[in-house]
Amino acid sequence: MSSTSAERDDLWIPEQLRENVEEILIPADRIAARLDELAAEVDRDYAGRDTDLLLVGVLRGAVFTLSDLARRLTIPSAIDFMACSSYGSSTTSSGVVRILKDLDTEIEGRDVLLVEDIVDTGLTLDYLIKNLRSRNPASVEVLSLLTKPSRREVELPVRYIGFEVPDVFVVGYGLDYAERYRGIPHIVSLKPGTGA
């Protein structure tokens, strides 16, 4: 990325947060282009099914990905959300998953696409996949905007992946640290030792 482009992208990072940002890893235009590609794949894979695809967003980080994906799909789809916690206000997963909000929709016999912001250790996603499969859906697949394979503790079947990121703490485009940085339109890394 040229310095002119980097300076222009930087304007979309609120001034009070800019000092904690190490680097723009994935600019907004690359995210948009990749979501176009992922939506086309999902459209192709789920065309002609008996029921509408149910997109299940994992709150709160996946809201941006789910919203932008849903607007790009041409197949019929519905939306629901789950919320779980495994981080708290830490930058590393605790490994203990708690469901804070469950689905409002019955999923028995339905195709479910679980939409995640990032697959890190895989512990949270592994728990959610098992939980959803226990409800007898027609299928459960996963779409994750980001994956961080260097941190994986559990092997998972992630069907659709946006980008692979290095082992740094990333925020932006829905991902947060202590509820900050979500609104940055890029995926950025935080400087080591950054506080909330």
N, C-alpha and C. Protein backbone atom coordinates (compact mmCIF):
# COMPACT_ATOMS: atom_id res chain seq x y z
N MET A 1 0.85 -1.18 0.00
CA MET A 1 0.00 0.00 0.00
C MET A 1 0.88 1.23 0.00
N SER A 2 0.61 2.18 -0.87
CA SER A 2 1.41 3.41 -0.94
C SER A 2 1.13 4.28 0.28
N SER A 3 2.04 5.21 0.57
CA SER A 3 1.84 6.07 1.73
C SER A 3 0.61 6.95 1.54
N THR A 4 0.33 7.37 0.30
CA THR A 4 -0.86 8.18 0.05
C THR A 4 -2.11 7.38 0.38
N SER A 5 -2.14 6.13 -0.09
CA SER A 5 -3.28 5.25 0.20
C SER A 5 -3.38 4.99 1.70
N ALA A 6 -2.25 4.74 2.35
CA ALA A 6 -2.26 4.47 3.79
C ALA A 6 -2.76 5.68 4.56
N GLU A 7 -2.34 6.88 4.15
CA GLU A 7 -2.80 8.08 4.83
C GLU A 7 -4.30 8.27 4.65
N ARG A 8 -4.82 7.98 3.46
CA ARG A 8 -6.24 8.12 3.20
C ARG A 8 -7.02 7.10 4.02
N ASP A 9 -6.55 5.85 4.08
CA ASP A 9 -7.20 4.81 4.87
C ASP A 9 -7.19 5.17 6.35
N ASP A 10 -6.11 5.79 6.79
CA ASP A 10 -5.95 6.17 8.20
C ASP A 10 -7.03 7.14 8.66
N LEU A 11 -7.56 7.93 7.72
CA LEU A 11 -8.58 8.91 8.09
C LEU A 11 -9.84 8.24 8.63
N TRP A 12 -10.04 6.98 8.29
CA TRP A 12 -11.22 6.26 8.76
C TRP A 12 -11.01 5.65 10.14
N ILE A 13 -9.87 5.85 10.74
CA ILE A 13 -9.60 5.39 12.09
C ILE A 13 -9.74 6.59 13.01
N PRO A 14 -10.69 6.56 13.96
CA PRO A 14 -10.86 7.70 14.86
C PRO A 14 -9.53 8.12 15.49
N GLU A 15 -9.33 9.42 15.56
CA GLU A 15 -8.05 9.97 16.02
C GLU A 15 -7.63 9.41 17.37
N GLN A 16 -8.59 9.28 18.30
CA GLN A 16 -8.22 8.81 19.64
C GLN A 16 -7.84 7.33 19.67
N LEU A 17 -8.11 6.60 18.59
CA LEU A 17 -7.73 5.18 18.52
C LEU A 17 -6.50 4.95 17.66
N ARG A 18 -6.17 5.93 16.81
CA ARG A 18 -5.09 5.77 15.83
C ARG A 18 -3.75 5.43 16.47
N GLU A 19 -3.46 6.02 17.61
CA GLU A 19 -2.14 5.81 18.22
C GLU A 19 -1.92 4.36 18.65
N ASN A 20 -2.99 3.58 18.84
CA ASN A 20 -2.86 2.18 19.25
C ASN A 20 -2.80 1.20 18.08
N VAL A 21 -3.03 1.71 16.87
CA VAL A 21 -3.05 0.85 15.69
C VAL A 21 -1.63 0.68 15.16
N GLU A 22 -1.22 -0.56 15.04
CA GLU A 22 0.11 -0.89 14.52
C GLU A 22 0.13 -0.78 12.99
N GLU A 23 -0.87 -1.46 12.35
CA GLU A 23 -0.84 -1.58 10.89
C GLU A 23 -2.22 -1.91 10.36
N ILE A 24 -2.53 -1.38 9.18
CA ILE A 24 -3.74 -1.82 8.47
C ILE A 24 -3.37 -3.11 7.73
N LEU A 25 -3.94 -4.22 8.17
CA LEU A 25 -3.62 -5.52 7.57
C LEU A 25 -4.47 -5.78 6.33
N ILE A 26 -5.78 -5.48 6.43
CA ILE A 26 -6.68 -5.72 5.30
C ILE A 26 -7.57 -4.49 5.15
N PRO A 27 -7.33 -3.70 4.09
CA PRO A 27 -8.14 -2.50 3.90
C PRO A 27 -9.58 -2.83 3.52
N ALA A 28 -10.45 -1.87 3.74
CA ALA A 28 -11.89 -2.05 3.53
C ALA A 28 -12.22 -2.52 2.12
N ASP A 29 -11.52 -2.02 1.10
CA ASP A 29 -11.85 -2.42 -0.27
C ASP A 29 -11.55 -3.90 -0.52
N ARG A 30 -10.51 -4.42 0.11
CA ARG A 30 -10.21 -5.86 -0.03
C ARG A 30 -11.25 -6.71 0.69
N ILE A 31 -11.74 -6.23 1.84
CA ILE A 31 -12.80 -6.94 2.56
C ILE A 31 -14.05 -7.02 1.67
N ALA A 32 -14.43 -5.89 1.08
CA ALA A 32 -15.62 -5.84 0.21
C ALA A 32 -15.49 -6.79 -0.98
N ALA A 33 -14.32 -6.80 -1.60
CA ALA A 33 -14.10 -7.67 -2.76
C ALA A 33 -14.18 -9.14 -2.36
N ARG A 34 -13.61 -9.47 -1.21
CA ARG A 34 -13.64 -10.87 -0.77
C ARG A 34 -15.06 -11.30 -0.40
N LEU A 35 -15.84 -10.40 0.20
CA LEU A 35 -17.23 -10.73 0.52
C LEU A 35 -18.05 -10.95 -0.75
N ASP A 36 -17.75 -10.21 -1.81
CA ASP A 36 -18.41 -10.45 -3.10
C ASP A 36 -18.16 -11.90 -3.54
N GLU A 37 -16.90 -12.33 -3.43
CA GLU A 37 -16.54 -13.69 -3.83
C GLU A 37 -17.20 -14.74 -2.95
N LEU A 38 -17.20 -14.52 -1.63
CA LEU A 38 -17.79 -15.48 -0.70
C LEU A 38 -19.30 -15.59 -0.93
N ALA A 39 -19.97 -14.46 -1.15
CA ALA A 39 -21.41 -14.49 -1.39
C ALA A 39 -21.72 -15.27 -2.67
N ALA A 40 -20.90 -15.12 -3.69
CA ALA A 40 -21.12 -15.87 -4.93
C ALA A 40 -20.97 -17.37 -4.69
N GLU A 41 -20.00 -17.76 -3.86
CA GLU A 41 -19.82 -19.18 -3.52
C GLU A 41 -21.02 -19.71 -2.76
N VAL A 42 -21.50 -18.95 -1.77
CA VAL A 42 -22.65 -19.38 -0.97
C VAL A 42 -23.88 -19.48 -1.87
N ASP A 43 -24.10 -18.49 -2.72
CA ASP A 43 -25.23 -18.54 -3.66
C ASP A 43 -25.19 -19.83 -4.49
N ARG A 44 -24.04 -20.14 -5.01
CA ARG A 44 -23.89 -21.34 -5.86
C ARG A 44 -24.14 -22.61 -5.05
N ASP A 45 -23.56 -22.69 -3.84
CA ASP A 45 -23.65 -23.91 -3.04
C ASP A 45 -25.05 -24.18 -2.50
N TYR A 46 -25.83 -23.12 -2.25
CA TYR A 46 -27.13 -23.31 -1.62
C TYR A 46 -28.30 -23.06 -2.59
N ALA A 47 -28.03 -22.88 -3.84
CA ALA A 47 -29.10 -22.66 -4.82
C ALA A 47 -30.01 -23.89 -4.90
N GLY A 48 -31.31 -23.64 -5.00
CA GLY A 48 -32.27 -24.72 -5.20
C GLY A 48 -32.59 -25.55 -3.98
N ARG A 49 -32.22 -25.11 -2.80
CA ARG A 49 -32.54 -25.86 -1.58
C ARG A 49 -34.03 -25.71 -1.24
N ASP A 50 -34.54 -26.65 -0.43
CA ASP A 50 -35.97 -26.65 -0.07
C ASP A 50 -36.33 -25.54 0.91
N THR A 51 -35.40 -25.16 1.75
CA THR A 51 -35.69 -24.10 2.73
C THR A 51 -34.69 -22.97 2.56
N ASP A 52 -35.07 -21.79 3.05
CA ASP A 52 -34.18 -20.64 3.00
C ASP A 52 -32.97 -20.91 3.90
N LEU A 53 -31.82 -20.47 3.45
CA LEU A 53 -30.60 -20.59 4.24
C LEU A 53 -30.74 -19.71 5.49
N LEU A 54 -30.36 -20.25 6.64
CA LEU A 54 -30.36 -19.47 7.87
C LEU A 54 -28.94 -19.05 8.19
N LEU A 55 -28.70 -17.73 8.16
CA LEU A 55 -27.41 -17.18 8.55
C LEU A 55 -27.45 -16.92 10.05
N VAL A 56 -26.52 -17.53 10.77
CA VAL A 56 -26.45 -17.34 12.22
C VAL A 56 -25.19 -16.56 12.53
N GLY A 57 -25.36 -15.31 12.93
CA GLY A 57 -24.23 -14.46 13.27
C GLY A 57 -23.85 -14.63 14.72
N VAL A 58 -22.56 -14.70 14.96
CA VAL A 58 -22.07 -14.80 16.33
C VAL A 58 -21.79 -13.37 16.80
N LEU A 59 -22.62 -12.93 17.73
CA LEU A 59 -22.51 -11.56 18.25
C LEU A 59 -21.27 -11.40 19.10
N ARG A 60 -20.72 -10.21 19.10
CA ARG A 60 -21.10 -9.07 18.31
C ARG A 60 -20.17 -8.89 17.14
N GLY A 61 -19.06 -9.57 17.16
CA GLY A 61 -18.02 -9.35 16.16
C GLY A 61 -18.43 -9.63 14.73
N ALA A 62 -19.35 -10.58 14.51
CA ALA A 62 -19.71 -10.98 13.15
C ALA A 62 -20.82 -10.14 12.53
N VAL A 63 -21.32 -9.13 13.24
CA VAL A 63 -22.44 -8.34 12.73
C VAL A 63 -22.11 -7.69 11.38
N PHE A 64 -20.93 -7.11 11.25
CA PHE A 64 -20.57 -6.44 10.00
C PHE A 64 -20.49 -7.47 8.87
N THR A 65 -19.81 -8.58 9.12
CA THR A 65 -19.67 -9.62 8.10
C THR A 65 -21.02 -10.18 7.69
N LEU A 66 -21.86 -10.50 8.66
CA LEU A 66 -23.17 -11.07 8.36
C LEU A 66 -24.02 -10.08 7.57
N SER A 67 -24.05 -8.83 7.99
CA SER A 67 -24.87 -7.82 7.31
C SER A 67 -24.42 -7.63 5.87
N ASP A 68 -23.13 -7.50 5.67
CA ASP A 68 -22.62 -7.27 4.32
C ASP A 68 -22.77 -8.51 3.45
N LEU A 69 -22.60 -9.70 4.03
CA LEU A 69 -22.81 -10.94 3.28
C LEU A 69 -24.27 -11.08 2.88
N ALA A 70 -25.19 -10.86 3.81
CA ALA A 70 -26.62 -11.03 3.53
C ALA A 70 -27.08 -10.12 2.40
N ARG A 71 -26.55 -8.91 2.35
CA ARG A 71 -26.94 -7.96 1.29
C ARG A 71 -26.42 -8.38 -0.07
N ARG A 72 -25.40 -9.22 -0.09
CA ARG A 72 -24.83 -9.66 -1.36
C ARG A 72 -25.46 -10.94 -1.89
N LEU A 73 -26.13 -11.69 -1.04
CA LEU A 73 -26.71 -12.97 -1.45
C LEU A 73 -27.91 -12.76 -2.36
N THR A 74 -28.07 -13.64 -3.35
CA THR A 74 -29.24 -13.60 -4.21
C THR A 74 -30.21 -14.73 -3.89
N ILE A 75 -29.78 -15.70 -3.08
CA ILE A 75 -30.68 -16.78 -2.66
C ILE A 75 -31.51 -16.29 -1.47
N PRO A 76 -32.68 -16.91 -1.24
CA PRO A 76 -33.46 -16.54 -0.06
C PRO A 76 -32.70 -16.93 1.22
N SER A 77 -32.68 -16.01 2.17
CA SER A 77 -32.00 -16.31 3.44
C SER A 77 -32.70 -15.60 4.58
N ALA A 78 -32.49 -16.12 5.77
CA ALA A 78 -33.00 -15.53 7.00
C ALA A 78 -31.81 -15.33 7.93
N ILE A 79 -32.03 -14.54 8.97
CA ILE A 79 -30.94 -14.18 9.88
C ILE A 79 -31.37 -14.44 11.33
N ASP A 80 -30.44 -14.96 12.10
CA ASP A 80 -30.61 -15.06 13.55
C ASP A 80 -29.23 -14.87 14.17
N PHE A 81 -29.20 -14.77 15.49
CA PHE A 81 -27.95 -14.49 16.18
C PHE A 81 -27.78 -15.36 17.41
N MET A 82 -26.53 -15.63 17.72
CA MET A 82 -26.15 -16.22 19.01
C MET A 82 -25.07 -15.32 19.59
N ALA A 83 -25.01 -15.27 20.90
CA ALA A 83 -23.93 -14.53 21.56
C ALA A 83 -23.30 -15.47 22.57
N CYS A 84 -21.99 -15.46 22.56
CA CYS A 84 -21.27 -16.27 23.52
C CYS A 84 -20.03 -15.52 23.96
N SER A 85 -19.44 -15.99 25.02
CA SER A 85 -18.27 -15.30 25.56
C SER A 85 -17.17 -16.30 25.85
N SER A 86 -15.96 -15.96 25.41
CA SER A 86 -14.79 -16.76 25.80
C SER A 86 -13.58 -15.87 26.02
N TYR A 87 -13.75 -14.56 25.80
CA TYR A 87 -12.63 -13.63 25.96
C TYR A 87 -12.76 -12.73 27.18
N GLY A 88 -13.97 -12.25 27.48
CA GLY A 88 -14.11 -11.21 28.49
C GLY A 88 -13.44 -9.96 27.96
N SER A 89 -12.60 -9.32 28.77
CA SER A 89 -11.90 -8.12 28.30
C SER A 89 -10.43 -8.42 28.06
N SER A 90 -10.11 -9.70 27.93
CA SER A 90 -8.73 -10.12 27.69
C SER A 90 -8.48 -10.22 26.18
N THR A 91 -7.21 -10.32 25.81
CA THR A 91 -6.87 -10.50 24.39
C THR A 91 -6.64 -11.96 24.05
N THR A 92 -6.79 -12.86 25.00
CA THR A 92 -6.66 -14.28 24.72
C THR A 92 -7.90 -15.01 25.20
N SER A 93 -8.28 -16.06 24.47
CA SER A 93 -9.47 -16.81 24.81
C SER A 93 -9.27 -17.57 26.11
N SER A 94 -10.32 -17.56 26.93
CA SER A 94 -10.25 -18.29 28.21
C SER A 94 -10.47 -19.78 27.99
N GLY A 95 -11.06 -20.16 26.85
CA GLY A 95 -11.35 -21.56 26.58
C GLY A 95 -12.66 -22.02 27.17
N VAL A 96 -13.29 -21.20 28.01
CA VAL A 96 -14.58 -21.52 28.59
C VAL A 96 -15.64 -20.74 27.82
N VAL A 97 -16.58 -21.47 27.23
CA VAL A 97 -17.59 -20.83 26.38
C VAL A 97 -18.92 -20.77 27.13
N ARG A 98 -19.51 -19.59 27.14
CA ARG A 98 -20.84 -19.40 27.73
C ARG A 98 -21.75 -18.83 26.66
N ILE A 99 -22.94 -19.43 26.49
CA ILE A 99 -23.94 -18.86 25.57
C ILE A 99 -24.69 -17.78 26.33
N LEU A 100 -24.62 -16.57 25.80
CA LEU A 100 -25.27 -15.42 26.42
C LEU A 100 -26.62 -15.12 25.75
N LYS A 101 -26.74 -15.48 24.46
CA LYS A 101 -28.01 -15.34 23.74
C LYS A 101 -28.13 -16.51 22.78
N ASP A 102 -29.25 -17.22 22.88
CA ASP A 102 -29.48 -18.37 22.02
C ASP A 102 -30.34 -17.95 20.82
N LEU A 103 -30.48 -18.87 19.88
CA LEU A 103 -31.29 -18.62 18.69
C LEU A 103 -32.76 -18.42 19.05
N ASP A 104 -33.45 -17.60 18.25
CA ASP A 104 -34.89 -17.45 18.36
C ASP A 104 -35.59 -18.37 17.36
N THR A 105 -34.83 -18.93 16.43
CA THR A 105 -35.36 -19.72 15.33
C THR A 105 -35.11 -21.21 15.56
N GLU A 106 -36.11 -22.03 15.24
CA GLU A 106 -35.92 -23.48 15.24
C GLU A 106 -35.10 -23.85 14.00
N ILE A 107 -34.10 -24.69 14.16
CA ILE A 107 -33.24 -25.01 13.01
C ILE A 107 -33.37 -26.45 12.54
N GLU A 108 -34.23 -27.23 13.15
CA GLU A 108 -34.39 -28.62 12.71
C GLU A 108 -34.77 -28.66 11.23
N GLY A 109 -33.99 -29.44 10.46
CA GLY A 109 -34.25 -29.60 9.04
C GLY A 109 -33.80 -28.44 8.16
N ARG A 110 -33.14 -27.44 8.74
CA ARG A 110 -32.73 -26.26 7.97
C ARG A 110 -31.23 -26.28 7.69
N ASP A 111 -30.85 -25.63 6.61
CA ASP A 111 -29.43 -25.40 6.33
C ASP A 111 -29.00 -24.16 7.11
N VAL A 112 -27.94 -24.32 7.89
CA VAL A 112 -27.45 -23.25 8.75
C VAL A 112 -26.03 -22.88 8.33
N LEU A 113 -25.80 -21.59 8.15
CA LEU A 113 -24.47 -21.09 7.89
C LEU A 113 -24.08 -20.21 9.08
N LEU A 114 -23.15 -20.71 9.87
CA LEU A 114 -22.67 -19.99 11.04
C LEU A 114 -21.64 -18.96 10.58
N VAL A 115 -21.88 -17.69 10.86
CA VAL A 115 -21.02 -16.61 10.38
C VAL A 115 -20.20 -16.08 11.56
N GLU A 116 -18.89 -16.20 11.43
CA GLU A 116 -17.96 -15.78 12.49
C GLU A 116 -17.09 -14.64 12.00
N ASP A 117 -16.57 -13.86 12.95
CA ASP A 117 -15.61 -12.82 12.60
C ASP A 117 -14.22 -13.40 12.45
N ILE A 118 -13.82 -14.26 13.41
CA ILE A 118 -12.47 -14.83 13.38
C ILE A 118 -12.47 -16.20 14.05
N VAL A 119 -11.72 -17.13 13.48
CA VAL A 119 -11.47 -18.41 14.12
C VAL A 119 -10.05 -18.35 14.64
N ASP A 120 -9.93 -18.38 15.96
CA ASP A 120 -8.64 -18.25 16.63
C ASP A 120 -8.24 -19.64 17.14
N THR A 121 -8.45 -19.92 18.41
CA THR A 121 -8.12 -21.24 18.94
C THR A 121 -9.06 -22.30 18.38
N GLY A 122 -10.28 -21.87 18.03
CA GLY A 122 -11.28 -22.81 17.53
C GLY A 122 -12.17 -23.38 18.62
N LEU A 123 -11.87 -23.09 19.87
CA LEU A 123 -12.64 -23.67 20.98
C LEU A 123 -14.09 -23.19 20.98
N THR A 124 -14.30 -21.90 20.79
CA THR A 124 -15.66 -21.36 20.77
C THR A 124 -16.44 -21.94 19.60
N LEU A 125 -15.85 -21.92 18.44
CA LEU A 125 -16.53 -22.42 17.24
C LEU A 125 -16.83 -23.91 17.36
N ASP A 126 -15.91 -24.69 17.88
CA ASP A 126 -16.13 -26.12 18.07
C ASP A 126 -17.36 -26.35 18.95
N TYR A 127 -17.46 -25.59 20.02
CA TYR A 127 -18.61 -25.70 20.92
C TYR A 127 -19.90 -25.35 20.19
N LEU A 128 -19.89 -24.24 19.44
CA LEU A 128 -21.10 -23.81 18.74
C LEU A 128 -21.54 -24.80 17.67
N ILE A 129 -20.60 -25.35 16.92
CA ILE A 129 -20.95 -26.33 15.89
C ILE A 129 -21.63 -27.54 16.53
N LYS A 130 -21.04 -28.06 17.60
CA LYS A 130 -21.63 -29.22 18.29
C LYS A 130 -23.01 -28.89 18.83
N ASN A 131 -23.15 -27.70 19.39
CA ASN A 131 -24.43 -27.27 19.95
C ASN A 131 -25.49 -27.21 18.84
N LEU A 132 -25.16 -26.62 17.72
CA LEU A 132 -26.12 -26.50 16.63
C LEU A 132 -26.44 -27.85 16.00
N ARG A 133 -25.44 -28.69 15.83
CA ARG A 133 -25.69 -30.02 15.24
C ARG A 133 -26.59 -30.88 16.11
N SER A 134 -26.59 -30.64 17.41
CA SER A 134 -27.44 -31.41 18.32
C SER A 134 -28.92 -31.09 18.11
N ARG A 135 -29.21 -30.04 17.35
CA ARG A 135 -30.60 -29.62 17.12
C ARG A 135 -31.16 -30.14 15.80
N ASN A 136 -30.43 -31.05 15.15
CA ASN A 136 -30.88 -31.74 13.94
C ASN A 136 -31.15 -30.84 12.73
N PRO A 137 -30.24 -29.93 12.42
CA PRO A 137 -30.42 -29.16 11.19
C PRO A 137 -30.10 -30.04 9.98
N ALA A 138 -30.50 -29.60 8.80
CA ALA A 138 -30.13 -30.33 7.58
C ALA A 138 -28.62 -30.28 7.39
N SER A 139 -28.01 -29.12 7.68
CA SER A 139 -26.56 -28.97 7.57
C SER A 139 -26.11 -27.79 8.42
N VAL A 140 -24.85 -27.83 8.83
CA VAL A 140 -24.22 -26.70 9.51
C VAL A 140 -22.86 -26.50 8.86
N GLU A 141 -22.67 -25.33 8.28
CA GLU A 141 -21.38 -24.95 7.71
C GLU A 141 -20.94 -23.65 8.36
N VAL A 142 -19.66 -23.29 8.14
CA VAL A 142 -19.09 -22.11 8.78
C VAL A 142 -18.49 -21.19 7.73
N LEU A 143 -18.76 -19.89 7.88
CA LEU A 143 -18.09 -18.86 7.13
C LEU A 143 -17.43 -17.94 8.13
N SER A 144 -16.12 -17.76 8.00
CA SER A 144 -15.40 -16.86 8.89
C SER A 144 -14.62 -15.85 8.07
N LEU A 145 -14.78 -14.58 8.43
CA LEU A 145 -14.05 -13.54 7.72
C LEU A 145 -12.55 -13.76 7.85
N LEU A 146 -12.11 -14.12 9.07
CA LEU A 146 -10.69 -14.29 9.33
C LEU A 146 -10.41 -15.64 9.96
N THR A 147 -9.20 -16.12 9.74
CA THR A 147 -8.72 -17.30 10.44
C THR A 147 -7.28 -17.05 10.86
N LYS A 148 -6.96 -17.59 12.03
CA LYS A 148 -5.61 -17.43 12.58
C LYS A 148 -5.09 -18.84 12.90
N PRO A 149 -4.66 -19.59 11.86
CA PRO A 149 -4.30 -21.00 12.05
C PRO A 149 -3.17 -21.25 13.04
N SER A 150 -2.29 -20.28 13.22
CA SER A 150 -1.16 -20.47 14.14
C SER A 150 -1.62 -20.64 15.59
N ARG A 151 -2.85 -20.25 15.90
CA ARG A 151 -3.37 -20.34 17.27
C ARG A 151 -4.33 -21.52 17.45
N ARG A 152 -4.59 -22.27 16.40
CA ARG A 152 -5.62 -23.31 16.45
C ARG A 152 -5.30 -24.41 17.44
N GLU A 153 -6.27 -24.72 18.29
CA GLU A 153 -6.16 -25.83 19.23
C GLU A 153 -7.08 -26.98 18.86
N VAL A 154 -8.06 -26.71 18.00
CA VAL A 154 -9.04 -27.71 17.58
C VAL A 154 -9.16 -27.62 16.07
N GLU A 155 -9.10 -28.77 15.40
CA GLU A 155 -9.29 -28.77 13.94
C GLU A 155 -10.77 -28.64 13.63
N LEU A 156 -11.09 -27.71 12.74
CA LEU A 156 -12.49 -27.41 12.45
C LEU A 156 -12.75 -27.38 10.96
N PRO A 157 -13.98 -27.74 10.57
CA PRO A 157 -14.35 -27.65 9.16
C PRO A 157 -14.90 -26.26 8.84
N VAL A 158 -14.05 -25.33 8.45
CA VAL A 158 -14.50 -23.99 8.07
C VAL A 158 -14.60 -23.98 6.54
N ARG A 159 -15.81 -23.93 6.04
CA ARG A 159 -16.04 -24.07 4.59
C ARG A 159 -15.65 -22.82 3.81
N TYR A 160 -15.93 -21.65 4.38
CA TYR A 160 -15.67 -20.39 3.68
C TYR A 160 -14.78 -19.51 4.55
N ILE A 161 -13.64 -19.12 4.02
CA ILE A 161 -12.68 -18.29 4.77
C ILE A 161 -12.37 -17.04 3.95
N GLY A 162 -12.43 -15.89 4.63
CA GLY A 162 -12.09 -14.65 3.96
C GLY A 162 -10.60 -14.45 3.84
N PHE A 163 -9.92 -14.36 4.97
CA PHE A 163 -8.50 -14.06 4.99
C PHE A 163 -7.81 -14.80 6.13
N GLU A 164 -6.56 -15.14 5.92
CA GLU A 164 -5.71 -15.67 6.99
C GLU A 164 -4.90 -14.50 7.55
N VAL A 165 -4.85 -14.41 8.88
CA VAL A 165 -4.10 -13.33 9.52
C VAL A 165 -3.00 -13.92 10.41
N PRO A 166 -1.93 -13.14 10.62
CA PRO A 166 -0.85 -13.63 11.48
C PRO A 166 -1.26 -13.61 12.95
N ASP A 167 -0.39 -14.11 13.79
CA ASP A 167 -0.67 -14.21 15.22
C ASP A 167 -0.43 -12.86 15.90
N VAL A 168 -1.31 -11.91 15.58
CA VAL A 168 -1.32 -10.60 16.23
C VAL A 168 -2.77 -10.34 16.62
N PHE A 169 -2.99 -9.41 17.56
CA PHE A 169 -4.36 -9.12 17.96
C PHE A 169 -4.97 -8.15 16.96
N VAL A 170 -6.05 -8.60 16.30
CA VAL A 170 -6.67 -7.80 15.24
C VAL A 170 -8.02 -7.26 15.70
N VAL A 171 -8.32 -6.05 15.21
CA VAL A 171 -9.59 -5.40 15.49
C VAL A 171 -10.07 -4.71 14.22
N GLY A 172 -11.27 -4.15 14.30
CA GLY A 172 -11.85 -3.46 13.17
C GLY A 172 -12.86 -4.33 12.45
N TYR A 173 -13.72 -3.70 11.66
CA TYR A 173 -14.76 -4.39 10.90
C TYR A 173 -15.54 -5.35 11.81
N GLY A 174 -15.91 -4.86 12.99
CA GLY A 174 -16.71 -5.63 13.92
C GLY A 174 -15.91 -6.24 15.06
N LEU A 175 -14.63 -6.49 14.86
CA LEU A 175 -13.81 -7.07 15.93
C LEU A 175 -13.39 -5.97 16.89
N ASP A 176 -13.35 -6.31 18.18
CA ASP A 176 -13.09 -5.29 19.18
C ASP A 176 -11.99 -5.69 20.15
N TYR A 177 -11.56 -4.74 20.91
CA TYR A 177 -10.81 -4.98 22.14
C TYR A 177 -11.50 -4.15 23.20
N ALA A 178 -12.08 -4.83 24.20
CA ALA A 178 -12.82 -4.16 25.28
C ALA A 178 -13.86 -3.20 24.72
N GLU A 179 -14.57 -3.66 23.68
CA GLU A 179 -15.67 -2.92 23.04
C GLU A 179 -15.24 -1.68 22.27
N ARG A 180 -13.98 -1.54 21.99
CA ARG A 180 -13.51 -0.43 21.16
C ARG A 180 -13.02 -0.97 19.82
N TYR A 181 -12.90 -0.12 18.83
CA TYR A 181 -12.33 -0.39 17.51
C TYR A 181 -13.28 -1.06 16.52
N ARG A 182 -14.48 -1.49 16.93
CA ARG A 182 -15.37 -2.22 16.03
C ARG A 182 -15.68 -1.45 14.75
N GLY A 183 -15.84 -0.15 14.85
CA GLY A 183 -16.29 0.65 13.71
C GLY A 183 -15.23 0.99 12.69
N ILE A 184 -13.97 0.63 12.95
CA ILE A 184 -12.93 0.85 11.95
C ILE A 184 -13.25 -0.03 10.74
N PRO A 185 -13.28 0.51 9.52
CA PRO A 185 -13.72 -0.29 8.37
C PRO A 185 -12.68 -1.27 7.84
N HIS A 186 -11.48 -1.23 8.38
CA HIS A 186 -10.40 -2.13 7.98
C HIS A 186 -10.16 -3.16 9.08
N ILE A 187 -9.37 -4.20 8.75
CA ILE A 187 -8.82 -5.08 9.77
C ILE A 187 -7.44 -4.54 10.08
N VAL A 188 -7.22 -4.20 11.35
CA VAL A 188 -5.95 -3.61 11.76
C VAL A 188 -5.37 -4.40 12.92
N SER A 189 -4.06 -4.30 13.10
CA SER A 189 -3.43 -4.91 14.26
C SER A 189 -3.18 -3.83 15.30
N LEU A 190 -3.26 -4.24 16.56
CA LEU A 190 -2.99 -3.32 17.66
C LEU A 190 -1.53 -3.41 18.07
N LYS A 191 -0.99 -2.31 18.51
CA LYS A 191 0.38 -2.31 19.02
C LYS A 191 0.45 -3.19 20.26
N PRO A 192 1.55 -3.94 20.43
CA PRO A 192 1.68 -4.76 21.63
C PRO A 192 1.57 -3.89 22.89
N GLY A 193 0.86 -4.43 23.89
CA GLY A 193 0.71 -3.70 25.15
C GLY A 193 -0.36 -2.65 25.14
N THR A 194 -1.17 -2.59 24.07
CA THR A 194 -2.23 -1.60 23.99
C THR A 194 -3.25 -1.84 25.08
N GLY A 195 -3.67 -0.78 25.78
CA GLY A 195 -4.72 -0.88 26.79
C GLY A 195 -6.06 -0.53 26.19
N ALA A 196 -7.10 -0.71 26.97
CA ALA A 196 -8.47 -0.47 26.46
C ALA A 196 -8.71 1.00 26.23
